[in-house]
PDB file of all heavy atoms in Angstrom:
ATOM      1  N   PRO A   1     -68.092  77.486 132.577  1.00  0.00           N
ATOM      2  CA  PRO A   1     -67.774  76.749 133.799  1.00  0.00           C
ATOM      3  C   PRO A   1     -68.823  75.631 134.036  1.00  0.00           C
ATOM      4  O   PRO A   1     -70.018  75.928 133.790  1.00  0.00           O
ATOM      5  CB  PRO A   1     -67.870  77.873 134.836  1.00  0.00           C
ATOM      6  CG  PRO A   1     -67.652  79.150 134.118  1.00  0.00           C
ATOM      7  CD  PRO A   1     -68.266  78.940 132.773  1.00  0.00           C
ATOM      8  N   MET A   2     -68.407  74.492 134.454  1.00  0.00           N
ATOM      9  CA  MET A   2     -69.308  73.408 134.742  1.00  0.00           C
ATOM     10  C   MET A   2     -68.741  72.519 135.829  1.00  0.00           C
ATOM     11  O   MET A   2     -67.589  72.607 136.275  1.00  0.00           O
ATOM     12  CB  MET A   2     -69.494  72.588 133.450  1.00  0.00           C
ATOM     13  CG  MET A   2     -68.201  71.832 132.965  1.00  0.00           C
ATOM     14  SD  MET A   2     -68.376  71.086 131.350  1.00  0.00           S
ATOM     15  CE  MET A   2     -68.498  72.544 130.286  1.00  0.00           C
ATOM     16  N   ILE A   3     -69.613  71.578 136.269  1.00  0.00           N
ATOM     17  CA  ILE A   3     -69.153  70.605 137.260  1.00  0.00           C
ATOM     18  C   ILE A   3     -69.161  69.281 136.556  1.00  0.00           C
ATOM     19  O   ILE A   3     -70.155  68.766 136.022  1.00  0.00           O
ATOM     20  CB  ILE A   3     -70.108  70.521 138.480  1.00  0.00           C
ATOM     21  CG1 ILE A   3     -70.199  71.927 139.144  1.00  0.00           C
ATOM     22  CG2 ILE A   3     -69.659  69.457 139.441  1.00  0.00           C
ATOM     23  CD1 ILE A   3     -68.915  72.338 139.834  1.00  0.00           C
ATOM     24  N   LEU A   4     -67.983  68.642 136.494  1.00  0.00           N
ATOM     25  CA  LEU A   4     -67.845  67.321 135.961  1.00  0.00           C
ATOM     26  C   LEU A   4     -68.187  66.305 137.062  1.00  0.00           C
ATOM     27  O   LEU A   4     -67.560  66.272 138.127  1.00  0.00           O
ATOM     28  CB  LEU A   4     -66.440  67.057 135.438  1.00  0.00           C
ATOM     29  CG  LEU A   4     -65.875  68.038 134.408  1.00  0.00           C
ATOM     30  CD1 LEU A   4     -64.436  67.731 134.056  1.00  0.00           C
ATOM     31  CD2 LEU A   4     -66.758  68.046 133.124  1.00  0.00           C
ATOM     32  N   ARG A   5     -69.237  65.499 136.852  1.00  0.00           N
ATOM     33  CA  ARG A   5     -69.715  64.618 137.895  1.00  0.00           C
ATOM     34  C   ARG A   5     -69.523  63.153 137.435  1.00  0.00           C
ATOM     35  O   ARG A   5     -69.945  62.773 136.339  1.00  0.00           O
ATOM     36  CB  ARG A   5     -71.172  64.853 138.240  1.00  0.00           C
ATOM     37  CG  ARG A   5     -71.447  66.311 138.661  1.00  0.00           C
ATOM     38  CD  ARG A   5     -72.901  66.482 139.042  1.00  0.00           C
ATOM     39  NE  ARG A   5     -73.248  67.915 139.305  1.00  0.00           N
ATOM     40  CZ  ARG A   5     -72.977  68.507 140.418  1.00  0.00           C
ATOM     41  NH1 ARG A   5     -72.390  67.832 141.378  1.00  0.00           N
ATOM     42  NH2 ARG A   5     -73.259  69.830 140.556  1.00  0.00           N
ATOM     43  N   PHE A   6     -68.946  62.350 138.321  1.00  0.00           N
ATOM     44  CA  PHE A   6     -68.702  60.963 138.060  1.00  0.00           C
ATOM     45  C   PHE A   6     -69.220  60.044 139.217  1.00  0.00           C
ATOM     46  O   PHE A   6     -69.182  60.519 140.412  1.00  0.00           O
ATOM     47  CB  PHE A   6     -67.201  60.669 137.908  1.00  0.00           C
ATOM     48  CG  PHE A   6     -66.575  61.498 136.841  1.00  0.00           C
ATOM     49  CD1 PHE A   6     -65.978  62.747 137.100  1.00  0.00           C
ATOM     50  CD2 PHE A   6     -66.520  61.066 135.502  1.00  0.00           C
ATOM     51  CE1 PHE A   6     -65.373  63.518 136.098  1.00  0.00           C
ATOM     52  CE2 PHE A   6     -65.967  61.793 134.488  1.00  0.00           C
ATOM     53  CZ  PHE A   6     -65.374  63.058 134.822  1.00  0.00           C
ATOM     54  N   MET A   7     -69.694  58.870 138.908  1.00  0.00           N
ATOM     55  CA  MET A   7     -70.141  57.940 139.905  1.00  0.00           C
ATOM     56  C   MET A   7     -69.352  56.642 139.791  1.00  0.00           C
ATOM     57  O   MET A   7     -69.231  56.119 138.711  1.00  0.00           O
ATOM     58  CB  MET A   7     -71.643  57.619 139.668  1.00  0.00           C
ATOM     59  CG  MET A   7     -72.189  56.483 140.533  1.00  0.00           C
ATOM     60  SD  MET A   7     -72.146  56.787 142.304  1.00  0.00           S
ATOM     61  CE  MET A   7     -73.549  57.902 142.411  1.00  0.00           C
ATOM     62  N   VAL A   8     -68.713  56.247 140.891  1.00  0.00           N
ATOM     63  CA  VAL A   8     -67.913  55.013 140.928  1.00  0.00           C
ATOM     64  C   VAL A   8     -68.832  53.919 141.554  1.00  0.00           C
ATOM     65  O   VAL A   8     -69.350  54.055 142.637  1.00  0.00           O
ATOM     66  CB  VAL A   8     -66.689  55.212 141.807  1.00  0.00           C
ATOM     67  CG1 VAL A   8     -65.883  53.921 141.782  1.00  0.00           C
ATOM     68  CG2 VAL A   8     -65.811  56.342 141.219  1.00  0.00           C
ATOM     69  N   GLN A   9     -68.861  52.762 140.828  1.00  0.00           N
ATOM     70  CA  GLN A   9     -69.766  51.656 141.204  1.00  0.00           C
ATOM     71  C   GLN A   9     -68.907  50.423 141.339  1.00  0.00           C
ATOM     72  O   GLN A   9     -67.841  50.257 140.662  1.00  0.00           O
ATOM     73  CB  GLN A   9     -70.823  51.480 140.206  1.00  0.00           C
ATOM     74  CG  GLN A   9     -71.773  52.699 140.073  1.00  0.00           C
ATOM     75  CD  GLN A   9     -72.732  52.537 138.915  1.00  0.00           C
ATOM     76  OE1 GLN A   9     -72.471  51.835 137.932  1.00  0.00           O
ATOM     77  NE2 GLN A   9     -73.964  53.130 139.082  1.00  0.00           N
ATOM     78  N   ASP A  10     -69.368  49.451 142.176  1.00  0.00           N
ATOM     79  CA  ASP A  10     -68.619  48.187 142.247  1.00  0.00           C
ATOM     80  C   ASP A  10     -68.974  47.258 141.076  1.00  0.00           C
ATOM     81  O   ASP A  10     -69.705  47.711 140.174  1.00  0.00           O
ATOM     82  CB  ASP A  10     -68.898  47.520 143.619  1.00  0.00           C
ATOM     83  CG  ASP A  10     -70.428  47.223 143.807  1.00  0.00           C
ATOM     84  OD1 ASP A  10     -71.153  47.084 142.800  1.00  0.00           O
ATOM     85  OD2 ASP A  10     -70.787  46.997 144.962  1.00  0.00           O
ATOM     86  N   GLN A  11     -68.576  46.001 141.197  1.00  0.00           N
ATOM     87  CA  GLN A  11     -68.719  45.087 140.069  1.00  0.00           C
ATOM     88  C   GLN A  11     -70.226  44.746 139.837  1.00  0.00           C
ATOM     89  O   GLN A  11     -70.599  44.277 138.750  1.00  0.00           O
ATOM     90  CB  GLN A  11     -67.945  43.825 140.336  1.00  0.00           C
ATOM     91  CG  GLN A  11     -66.398  43.997 140.276  1.00  0.00           C
ATOM     92  CD  GLN A  11     -65.827  44.545 141.528  1.00  0.00           C
ATOM     93  OE1 GLN A  11     -66.574  45.051 142.431  1.00  0.00           O
ATOM     94  NE2 GLN A  11     -64.522  44.444 141.681  1.00  0.00           N
ATOM     95  N   ASN A  12     -71.043  44.984 140.872  1.00  0.00           N
ATOM     96  CA  ASN A  12     -72.424  44.740 140.728  1.00  0.00           C
ATOM     97  C   ASN A  12     -73.306  45.937 140.387  1.00  0.00           C
ATOM     98  O   ASN A  12     -74.523  45.861 140.395  1.00  0.00           O
ATOM     99  CB  ASN A  12     -72.961  44.144 142.075  1.00  0.00           C
ATOM    100  CG  ASN A  12     -72.232  42.826 142.433  1.00  0.00           C
ATOM    101  OD1 ASN A  12     -72.049  41.955 141.504  1.00  0.00           O
ATOM    102  ND2 ASN A  12     -71.826  42.686 143.661  1.00  0.00           N
ATOM    103  N   GLY A  13     -72.631  47.048 140.091  1.00  0.00           N
ATOM    104  CA  GLY A  13     -73.368  48.256 139.745  1.00  0.00           C
ATOM    105  C   GLY A  13     -73.875  49.068 140.870  1.00  0.00           C
ATOM    106  O   GLY A  13     -74.623  49.971 140.645  1.00  0.00           O
ATOM    107  N   ARG A  14     -73.430  48.694 142.107  1.00  0.00           N
ATOM    108  CA  ARG A  14     -73.849  49.527 143.247  1.00  0.00           C
ATOM    109  C   ARG A  14     -72.804  50.576 143.628  1.00  0.00           C
ATOM    110  O   ARG A  14     -71.628  50.378 143.289  1.00  0.00           O
ATOM    111  CB  ARG A  14     -74.086  48.559 144.500  1.00  0.00           C
ATOM    112  CG  ARG A  14     -75.315  47.655 144.343  1.00  0.00           C
ATOM    113  CD  ARG A  14     -75.530  46.870 145.649  1.00  0.00           C
ATOM    114  NE  ARG A  14     -74.481  45.999 145.975  1.00  0.00           N
ATOM    115  CZ  ARG A  14     -74.420  44.662 145.617  1.00  0.00           C
ATOM    116  NH1 ARG A  14     -75.460  44.169 144.993  1.00  0.00           N
ATOM    117  NH2 ARG A  14     -73.349  43.945 145.971  1.00  0.00           N
ATOM    118  N   PRO A  15     -73.191  51.688 144.251  1.00  0.00           N
ATOM    119  CA  PRO A  15     -72.186  52.667 144.632  1.00  0.00           C
ATOM    120  C   PRO A  15     -71.092  52.063 145.466  1.00  0.00           C
ATOM    121  O   PRO A  15     -71.314  51.355 146.375  1.00  0.00           O
ATOM    122  CB  PRO A  15     -73.030  53.704 145.477  1.00  0.00           C
ATOM    123  CG  PRO A  15     -74.419  53.555 144.904  1.00  0.00           C
ATOM    124  CD  PRO A  15     -74.608  52.089 144.612  1.00  0.00           C
ATOM    125  N   ALA A  16     -69.835  52.294 145.010  1.00  0.00           N
ATOM    126  CA  ALA A  16     -68.660  51.751 145.721  1.00  0.00           C
ATOM    127  C   ALA A  16     -68.564  52.371 147.112  1.00  0.00           C
ATOM    128  O   ALA A  16     -68.697  53.556 147.293  1.00  0.00           O
ATOM    129  CB  ALA A  16     -67.401  52.031 144.917  1.00  0.00           C
ATOM    130  N   THR A  17     -68.262  51.488 148.032  1.00  0.00           N
ATOM    131  CA  THR A  17     -68.182  51.884 149.459  1.00  0.00           C
ATOM    132  C   THR A  17     -66.785  51.836 149.999  1.00  0.00           C
ATOM    133  O   THR A  17     -66.527  52.057 151.200  1.00  0.00           O
ATOM    134  CB  THR A  17     -69.099  51.001 150.332  1.00  0.00           C
ATOM    135  OG1 THR A  17     -68.682  49.661 150.201  1.00  0.00           O
ATOM    136  CG2 THR A  17     -70.546  51.142 149.905  1.00  0.00           C
ATOM    137  N   ASP A  18     -65.823  51.517 149.131  1.00  0.00           N
ATOM    138  CA  ASP A  18     -64.453  51.362 149.551  1.00  0.00           C
ATOM    139  C   ASP A  18     -63.447  52.264 148.984  1.00  0.00           C
ATOM    140  O   ASP A  18     -62.273  52.002 148.873  1.00  0.00           O
ATOM    141  CB  ASP A  18     -63.980  49.880 149.334  1.00  0.00           C
ATOM    142  CG  ASP A  18     -64.173  49.487 147.882  1.00  0.00           C
ATOM    143  OD1 ASP A  18     -64.674  50.294 147.130  1.00  0.00           O
ATOM    144  OD2 ASP A  18     -63.776  48.289 147.560  1.00  0.00           O
ATOM    145  N   LEU A  19     -63.977  53.501 148.598  1.00  0.00           N
ATOM    146  CA  LEU A  19     -63.075  54.463 148.038  1.00  0.00           C
ATOM    147  C   LEU A  19     -62.268  55.157 149.183  1.00  0.00           C
ATOM    148  O   LEU A  19     -62.787  55.339 150.250  1.00  0.00           O
ATOM    149  CB  LEU A  19     -63.824  55.552 147.279  1.00  0.00           C
ATOM    150  CG  LEU A  19     -63.926  55.391 145.758  1.00  0.00           C
ATOM    151  CD1 LEU A  19     -64.839  54.132 145.472  1.00  0.00           C
ATOM    152  CD2 LEU A  19     -64.564  56.576 145.052  1.00  0.00           C
ATOM    153  N   GLU A  20     -60.968  55.514 148.928  1.00  0.00           N
ATOM    154  CA  GLU A  20     -60.066  56.090 149.835  1.00  0.00           C
ATOM    155  C   GLU A  20     -59.557  57.362 149.262  1.00  0.00           C
ATOM    156  O   GLU A  20     -59.494  57.540 148.058  1.00  0.00           O
ATOM    157  CB  GLU A  20     -58.940  55.162 150.208  1.00  0.00           C
ATOM    158  CG  GLU A  20     -59.422  53.760 150.666  1.00  0.00           C
ATOM    159  CD  GLU A  20     -58.231  52.799 150.757  1.00  0.00           C
ATOM    160  OE1 GLU A  20     -57.080  53.231 150.525  1.00  0.00           O
ATOM    161  OE2 GLU A  20     -58.470  51.608 151.036  1.00  0.00           O
ATOM    162  N   PRO A  21     -59.145  58.308 150.100  1.00  0.00           N
ATOM    163  CA  PRO A  21     -58.453  59.491 149.593  1.00  0.00           C
ATOM    164  C   PRO A  21     -57.149  59.130 148.749  1.00  0.00           C
ATOM    165  O   PRO A  21     -56.388  58.287 149.176  1.00  0.00           O
ATOM    166  CB  PRO A  21     -58.062  60.294 150.808  1.00  0.00           C
ATOM    167  CG  PRO A  21     -59.001  59.756 151.876  1.00  0.00           C
ATOM    168  CD  PRO A  21     -59.255  58.318 151.588  1.00  0.00           C
ATOM    169  N   TYR A  22     -57.007  59.791 147.634  1.00  0.00           N
ATOM    170  CA  TYR A  22     -55.799  59.580 146.852  1.00  0.00           C
ATOM    171  C   TYR A  22     -55.006  60.920 146.892  1.00  0.00           C
ATOM    172  O   TYR A  22     -55.436  61.920 146.339  1.00  0.00           O
ATOM    173  CB  TYR A  22     -56.232  59.307 145.351  1.00  0.00           C
ATOM    174  CG  TYR A  22     -55.054  59.167 144.384  1.00  0.00           C
ATOM    175  CD1 TYR A  22     -53.827  58.654 144.840  1.00  0.00           C
ATOM    176  CD2 TYR A  22     -55.223  59.505 143.100  1.00  0.00           C
ATOM    177  CE1 TYR A  22     -52.802  58.496 143.897  1.00  0.00           C
ATOM    178  CE2 TYR A  22     -54.208  59.397 142.150  1.00  0.00           C
ATOM    179  CZ  TYR A  22     -52.971  58.900 142.597  1.00  0.00           C
ATOM    180  OH  TYR A  22     -51.901  58.739 141.704  1.00  0.00           O
ATOM    181  N   MET A  23     -53.933  60.913 147.628  1.00  0.00           N
ATOM    182  CA  MET A  23     -53.109  62.031 147.828  1.00  0.00           C
ATOM    183  C   MET A  23     -53.936  63.159 148.431  1.00  0.00           C
ATOM    184  O   MET A  23     -53.829  64.342 147.942  1.00  0.00           O
ATOM    185  CB  MET A  23     -52.363  62.471 146.595  1.00  0.00           C
ATOM    186  CG  MET A  23     -51.246  61.514 146.160  1.00  0.00           C
ATOM    187  SD  MET A  23     -50.268  62.112 144.713  1.00  0.00           S
ATOM    188  CE  MET A  23     -51.497  61.969 143.434  1.00  0.00           C
ATOM    189  N   GLY A  24     -54.770  62.852 149.395  1.00  0.00           N
ATOM    190  CA  GLY A  24     -55.521  63.887 150.071  1.00  0.00           C
ATOM    191  C   GLY A  24     -56.815  64.359 149.430  1.00  0.00           C
ATOM    192  O   GLY A  24     -57.472  65.204 149.953  1.00  0.00           O
ATOM    193  N   MET A  25     -57.139  63.786 148.256  1.00  0.00           N
ATOM    194  CA  MET A  25     -58.288  64.236 147.511  1.00  0.00           C
ATOM    195  C   MET A  25     -59.135  63.029 147.160  1.00  0.00           C
ATOM    196  O   MET A  25     -58.680  61.852 147.154  1.00  0.00           O
ATOM    197  CB  MET A  25     -57.922  64.941 146.243  1.00  0.00           C
ATOM    198  CG  MET A  25     -56.966  66.177 146.481  1.00  0.00           C
ATOM    199  SD  MET A  25     -57.624  67.449 147.484  1.00  0.00           S
ATOM    200  CE  MET A  25     -58.814  68.144 146.336  1.00  0.00           C
ATOM    201  N   ALA A  26     -60.402  63.253 146.898  1.00  0.00           N
ATOM    202  CA  ALA A  26     -61.294  62.184 146.464  1.00  0.00           C
ATOM    203  C   ALA A  26     -60.821  61.597 145.117  1.00  0.00           C
ATOM    204  O   ALA A  26     -60.990  60.377 144.870  1.00  0.00           O
ATOM    205  CB  ALA A  26     -62.707  62.677 146.382  1.00  0.00           C
ATOM    206  N   ALA A  27     -60.204  62.418 144.270  1.00  0.00           N
ATOM    207  CA  ALA A  27     -59.767  61.914 142.967  1.00  0.00           C
ATOM    208  C   ALA A  27     -58.886  63.023 142.358  1.00  0.00           C
ATOM    209  O   ALA A  27     -58.886  64.173 142.826  1.00  0.00           O
ATOM    210  CB  ALA A  27     -60.930  61.612 142.076  1.00  0.00           C
ATOM    211  N   HIS A  28     -58.191  62.656 141.339  1.00  0.00           N
ATOM    212  CA  HIS A  28     -57.434  63.561 140.479  1.00  0.00           C
ATOM    213  C   HIS A  28     -57.873  63.352 139.044  1.00  0.00           C
ATOM    214  O   HIS A  28     -58.250  62.222 138.672  1.00  0.00           O
ATOM    215  CB  HIS A  28     -55.908  63.335 140.568  1.00  0.00           C
ATOM    216  CG  HIS A  28     -55.389  63.659 141.978  1.00  0.00           C
ATOM    217  ND1 HIS A  28     -54.445  64.595 142.208  1.00  0.00           N
ATOM    218  CD2 HIS A  28     -55.638  63.047 143.182  1.00  0.00           C
ATOM    219  CE1 HIS A  28     -54.118  64.656 143.469  1.00  0.00           C
ATOM    220  NE2 HIS A  28     -54.843  63.693 144.030  1.00  0.00           N
ATOM    221  N   ALA A  29     -57.789  64.386 138.238  1.00  0.00           N
ATOM    222  CA  ALA A  29     -58.114  64.230 136.836  1.00  0.00           C
ATOM    223  C   ALA A  29     -57.135  65.078 135.947  1.00  0.00           C
ATOM    224  O   ALA A  29     -56.742  66.114 136.350  1.00  0.00           O
ATOM    225  CB  ALA A  29     -59.565  64.673 136.511  1.00  0.00           C
ATOM    226  N   GLU A  30     -56.740  64.425 134.865  1.00  0.00           N
ATOM    227  CA  GLU A  30     -55.902  65.140 133.885  1.00  0.00           C
ATOM    228  C   GLU A  30     -56.708  65.287 132.625  1.00  0.00           C
ATOM    229  O   GLU A  30     -57.250  64.302 132.055  1.00  0.00           O
ATOM    230  CB  GLU A  30     -54.611  64.341 133.603  1.00  0.00           C
ATOM    231  CG  GLU A  30     -53.699  64.102 134.711  1.00  0.00           C
ATOM    232  CD  GLU A  30     -54.176  63.088 135.793  1.00  0.00           C
ATOM    233  OE1 GLU A  30     -54.528  61.979 135.362  1.00  0.00           O
ATOM    234  OE2 GLU A  30     -54.201  63.404 136.978  1.00  0.00           O
ATOM    235  N   ILE A  31     -56.805  66.529 132.124  1.00  0.00           N
ATOM    236  CA  ILE A  31     -57.609  66.827 130.950  1.00  0.00           C
ATOM    237  C   ILE A  31     -56.698  67.307 129.882  1.00  0.00           C
ATOM    238  O   ILE A  31     -55.942  68.263 130.061  1.00  0.00           O
ATOM    239  CB  ILE A  31     -58.665  67.903 131.300  1.00  0.00           C
ATOM    240  CG1 ILE A  31     -59.618  67.381 132.406  1.00  0.00           C
ATOM    241  CG2 ILE A  31     -59.497  68.286 130.071  1.00  0.00           C
ATOM    242  CD1 ILE A  31     -60.652  68.389 132.849  1.00  0.00           C
ATOM    243  N   ILE A  32     -56.708  66.615 128.718  1.00  0.00           N
ATOM    244  CA  ILE A  32     -55.801  66.892 127.623  1.00  0.00           C
ATOM    245  C   ILE A  32     -56.536  67.015 126.340  1.00  0.00           C
ATOM    246  O   ILE A  32     -57.331  66.151 125.978  1.00  0.00           O
ATOM    247  CB  ILE A  32     -54.704  65.798 127.496  1.00  0.00           C
ATOM    248  CG1 ILE A  32     -54.112  65.440 128.872  1.00  0.00           C
ATOM    249  CG2 ILE A  32     -53.662  66.148 126.456  1.00  0.00           C
ATOM    250  CD1 ILE A  32     -53.181  64.237 128.865  1.00  0.00           C
ATOM    251  N   ARG A  33     -56.275  68.122 125.635  1.00  0.00           N
ATOM    252  CA  ARG A  33     -56.839  68.259 124.261  1.00  0.00           C
ATOM    253  C   ARG A  33     -56.097  67.363 123.283  1.00  0.00           C
ATOM    254  O   ARG A  33     -54.869  67.102 123.531  1.00  0.00           O
ATOM    255  CB  ARG A  33     -56.723  69.717 123.790  1.00  0.00           C
ATOM    256  CG  ARG A  33     -57.614  70.085 122.655  1.00  0.00           C
ATOM    257  CD  ARG A  33     -57.738  71.596 122.430  1.00  0.00           C
ATOM    258  NE  ARG A  33     -58.588  71.995 121.469  1.00  0.00           N
ATOM    259  CZ  ARG A  33     -58.212  72.235 120.176  1.00  0.00           C
ATOM    260  NH1 ARG A  33     -56.964  72.150 119.837  1.00  0.00           N
ATOM    261  NH2 ARG A  33     -59.095  72.655 119.218  1.00  0.00           N
ATOM    262  N   SER A  34     -56.739  66.897 122.275  1.00  0.00           N
ATOM    263  CA  SER A  34     -56.142  65.860 121.392  1.00  0.00           C
ATOM    264  C   SER A  34     -54.863  66.359 120.750  1.00  0.00           C
ATOM    265  O   SER A  34     -53.959  65.530 120.480  1.00  0.00           O
ATOM    266  CB  SER A  34     -57.133  65.500 120.309  1.00  0.00           C
ATOM    267  OG  SER A  34     -57.543  66.560 119.540  1.00  0.00           O
ATOM    268  N   ASP A  35     -54.733  67.676 120.514  1.00  0.00           N
ATOM    269  CA  ASP A  35     -53.484  68.193 119.922  1.00  0.00           C
ATOM    270  C   ASP A  35     -52.449  68.682 120.989  1.00  0.00           C
ATOM    271  O   ASP A  35     -51.438  69.239 120.742  1.00  0.00           O
ATOM    272  CB  ASP A  35     -53.800  69.382 119.011  1.00  0.00           C
ATOM    273  CG  ASP A  35     -54.416  70.527 119.701  1.00  0.00           C
ATOM    274  OD1 ASP A  35     -54.678  70.428 120.971  1.00  0.00           O
ATOM    275  OD2 ASP A  35     -54.619  71.555 119.054  1.00  0.00           O
ATOM    276  N   ARG A  36     -52.777  68.358 122.297  1.00  0.00           N
ATOM    277  CA  ARG A  36     -51.879  68.649 123.460  1.00  0.00           C
ATOM    278  C   ARG A  36     -51.695  70.173 123.693  1.00  0.00           C
ATOM    279  O   ARG A  36     -50.836  70.585 124.428  1.00  0.00           O
ATOM    280  CB  ARG A  36     -50.538  68.014 123.380  1.00  0.00           C
ATOM    281  CG  ARG A  36     -50.597  66.523 123.743  1.00  0.00           C
ATOM    282  CD  ARG A  36     -50.874  65.655 122.515  1.00  0.00           C
ATOM    283  NE  ARG A  36     -49.734  65.725 121.552  1.00  0.00           N
ATOM    284  CZ  ARG A  36     -49.866  65.434 120.280  1.00  0.00           C
ATOM    285  NH1 ARG A  36     -51.059  65.132 119.777  1.00  0.00           N
ATOM    286  NH2 ARG A  36     -48.812  65.489 119.492  1.00  0.00           N
ATOM    287  N   SER A  37     -52.514  71.006 123.102  1.00  0.00           N
ATOM    288  CA  SER A  37     -52.469  72.396 123.344  1.00  0.00           C
ATOM    289  C   SER A  37     -53.069  72.770 124.675  1.00  0.00           C
ATOM    290  O   SER A  37     -52.851  73.939 125.130  1.00  0.00           O
ATOM    291  CB  SER A  37     -53.201  73.214 122.208  1.00  0.00           C
ATOM    292  OG  SER A  37     -54.522  72.880 122.167  1.00  0.00           O
ATOM    293  N   VAL A  38     -53.827  71.843 125.276  1.00  0.00           N
ATOM    294  CA  VAL A  38     -54.382  72.082 126.570  1.00  0.00           C
ATOM    295  C   VAL A  38     -54.047  70.950 127.508  1.00  0.00           C
ATOM    296  O   VAL A  38     -54.223  69.757 127.106  1.00  0.00           O
ATOM    297  CB  VAL A  38     -55.927  72.189 126.520  1.00  0.00           C
ATOM    298  CG1 VAL A  38     -56.523  72.353 127.863  1.00  0.00           C
ATOM    299  CG2 VAL A  38     -56.322  73.456 125.669  1.00  0.00           C
ATOM    300  N   PHE A  39     -53.561  71.247 128.681  1.00  0.00           N
ATOM    301  CA  PHE A  39     -53.331  70.209 129.728  1.00  0.00           C
ATOM    302  C   PHE A  39     -53.698  70.829 131.095  1.00  0.00           C
ATOM    303  O   PHE A  39     -53.239  71.953 131.395  1.00  0.00           O
ATOM    304  CB  PHE A  39     -51.878  69.738 129.814  1.00  0.00           C
ATOM    305  CG  PHE A  39     -51.582  68.922 130.991  1.00  0.00           C
ATOM    306  CD1 PHE A  39     -51.876  67.577 130.896  1.00  0.00           C
ATOM    307  CD2 PHE A  39     -51.082  69.443 132.143  1.00  0.00           C
ATOM    308  CE1 PHE A  39     -51.567  66.726 132.006  1.00  0.00           C
ATOM    309  CE2 PHE A  39     -50.822  68.676 133.218  1.00  0.00           C
ATOM    310  CZ  PHE A  39     -51.087  67.258 133.187  1.00  0.00           C
TER     311      PHE A  39
END
């Protein structure tokens, strides 16, 4: 078990200040193994 951590920055490399909820969440992620045995 781990925490996947991401930082979103603007075009100047500063932390983005205009992020909005996407379908009620800060973000969504899809994780797929190369042979598609995991989704």
